[in-house]
Amino acid sequence: EATLDLAERRRIRSAIRELQRQELERDEEALASKRFRPERGSHRQDDKENWPRSQHLEEEQQAALAALSQQLEAITSVEELTKLLRAAGEYEERKLIRAAIRKLRAEEIE
């Protein structure tokens, strides 16, 4: 706002939006790499009898998260996503929903 040149202001705002978009993409990539990274030492913590059951539960959770991710991509309303966020019980679900909200807001800014 220190400059009176409108073209320069537009370039500055455009550069800021681009930086925000790049930052959002980096954050999403970091979340994705953390989300699907297998936990170290989880097999040691589980007892040999319970391991197949816990592995099965983990696979079910991953499948449910993938399905939720597909649903979230179809939603284009921040209000609807906010309602889902309030209703979500699991940390991973809330994390996915918050990422979808950030993505929609970034798209609105652009």
Protein backbone atom coordinates (compact mmCIF):
# COMPACT_ATOMS: atom_id res chain seq x y z
CA GLU A 1 0.00 0.00 0.00
CA ALA A 2 3.05 2.25 -0.01
CA THR A 3 2.90 2.62 -3.78
CA LEU A 4 0.31 4.47 -5.79
CA ASP A 5 1.01 2.55 -9.00
CA LEU A 6 -1.94 0.19 -9.53
CA ALA A 7 -0.03 -2.11 -11.90
CA GLU A 8 2.70 -2.57 -9.31
CA ARG A 9 0.11 -3.34 -6.63
CA ARG A 10 -1.43 -5.98 -8.89
CA ARG A 11 1.98 -7.57 -9.47
CA ILE A 12 2.67 -7.60 -5.73
CA ARG A 13 -0.72 -9.16 -4.94
CA SER A 14 -0.23 -11.69 -7.71
CA ALA A 15 3.21 -12.61 -6.36
CA ILE A 16 1.77 -12.98 -2.84
CA ARG A 17 -1.01 -15.28 -4.10
CA GLU A 18 1.53 -17.38 -5.99
CA LEU A 19 3.71 -17.72 -2.89
CA GLN A 20 0.66 -18.72 -0.82
CA ARG A 21 -0.31 -21.32 -3.43
CA GLN A 22 3.22 -22.76 -3.48
CA GLU A 23 3.29 -22.87 0.32
CA LEU A 24 -0.06 -24.68 0.37
CA GLU A 25 1.21 -27.25 -2.14
CA ARG A 26 4.34 -27.86 -0.06
CA ASP A 27 2.22 -28.28 3.07
CA GLU A 28 -0.07 -30.77 1.31
CA GLU A 29 2.91 -32.75 0.03
CA ALA A 30 4.41 -32.83 3.51
CA LEU A 31 1.09 -34.00 4.97
CA ALA A 32 0.74 -36.68 2.32
CA SER A 33 4.23 -38.02 2.95
CA LYS A 34 3.61 -38.09 6.72
CA ARG A 35 0.11 -39.54 6.39
CA PHE A 36 1.16 -42.62 4.44
CA ARG A 37 4.52 -43.22 6.08
CA PRO A 38 4.44 -46.54 7.95
CA GLU A 39 5.04 -46.27 11.67
CA ARG A 40 8.39 -47.54 12.83
CA GLY A 41 8.40 -50.16 15.52
CA SER A 42 4.65 -50.72 15.45
CA HIS A 43 5.19 -54.44 14.82
CA ARG A 44 7.35 -54.71 17.90
CA GLN A 45 4.65 -53.20 20.06
CA ASP A 46 2.00 -55.61 18.90
CA ASP A 47 1.82 -59.07 20.21
CA LYS A 48 2.18 -61.79 17.59
CA GLU A 49 -1.39 -62.97 18.09
CA ASN A 50 -2.88 -59.49 17.66
CA TRP A 51 -0.71 -58.38 14.76
CA PRO A 52 -2.92 -59.72 11.92
CA ARG A 53 -5.99 -58.12 13.49
CA SER A 54 -4.28 -54.74 14.01
CA GLN A 55 -2.87 -54.84 10.49
CA HIS A 56 -6.36 -55.52 9.17
CA LEU A 57 -7.77 -52.58 11.19
CA GLU A 58 -5.02 -50.31 9.88
CA GLU A 59 -5.79 -51.34 6.30
CA GLU A 60 -9.48 -50.63 6.88
CA GLN A 61 -8.64 -47.22 8.29
CA GLN A 62 -6.43 -46.40 5.28
CA ALA A 63 -9.24 -47.45 2.93
CA ALA A 64 -11.74 -45.31 4.85
CA LEU A 65 -9.40 -42.32 4.70
CA ALA A 66 -8.92 -42.77 0.97
CA ALA A 67 -12.71 -42.87 0.49
CA LEU A 68 -13.10 -39.75 2.64
CA SER A 69 -10.45 -38.00 0.58
CA GLN A 70 -12.42 -38.77 -2.60
CA GLN A 71 -15.60 -37.39 -1.02
CA LEU A 72 -13.85 -34.23 0.11
CA GLU A 73 -12.60 -33.51 -3.41
CA ALA A 74 -16.22 -33.43 -4.61
CA ILE A 75 -17.30 -30.89 -1.97
CA THR A 76 -16.92 -27.25 -3.03
CA SER A 77 -18.45 -25.50 -0.02
CA VAL A 78 -16.35 -24.38 2.93
CA GLU A 79 -19.47 -24.35 5.11
CA GLU A 80 -20.23 -27.98 4.31
CA LEU A 81 -16.62 -28.97 5.03
CA THR A 82 -16.79 -27.07 8.33
CA LYS A 83 -19.88 -29.07 9.32
CA LEU A 84 -18.02 -32.29 8.50
CA LEU A 85 -15.04 -31.09 10.53
CA ARG A 86 -17.20 -30.52 13.59
CA ALA A 87 -18.77 -33.96 13.23
CA ALA A 88 -15.48 -35.82 12.62
CA GLY A 89 -14.21 -37.85 15.53
CA GLU A 90 -10.87 -39.17 14.32
CA TYR A 91 -7.73 -37.05 14.14
CA GLU A 92 -6.84 -38.27 10.65
CA GLU A 93 -10.32 -37.37 9.36
CA ARG A 94 -10.11 -33.88 10.82
CA LYS A 95 -6.67 -33.45 9.31
CA LEU A 96 -7.95 -34.36 5.82
CA ILE A 97 -10.94 -32.05 6.15
CA ARG A 98 -8.79 -29.13 7.31
CA ALA A 99 -6.49 -29.67 4.30
CA ALA A 100 -9.54 -29.61 1.99
CA ILE A 101 -10.76 -26.37 3.59
CA ARG A 102 -7.32 -24.77 3.13
CA LYS A 103 -7.29 -25.86 -0.50
CA LEU A 104 -10.75 -24.39 -1.19
CA ARG A 105 -9.82 -21.10 0.49
CA ALA A 106 -6.64 -20.89 -1.56
CA GLU A 107 -8.66 -21.46 -4.72
CA GLU A 108 -11.09 -18.70 -3.68
CA ILE A 109 -8.18 -16.30 -3.19
CA GLU A 110 -6.89 -17.03 -6.68
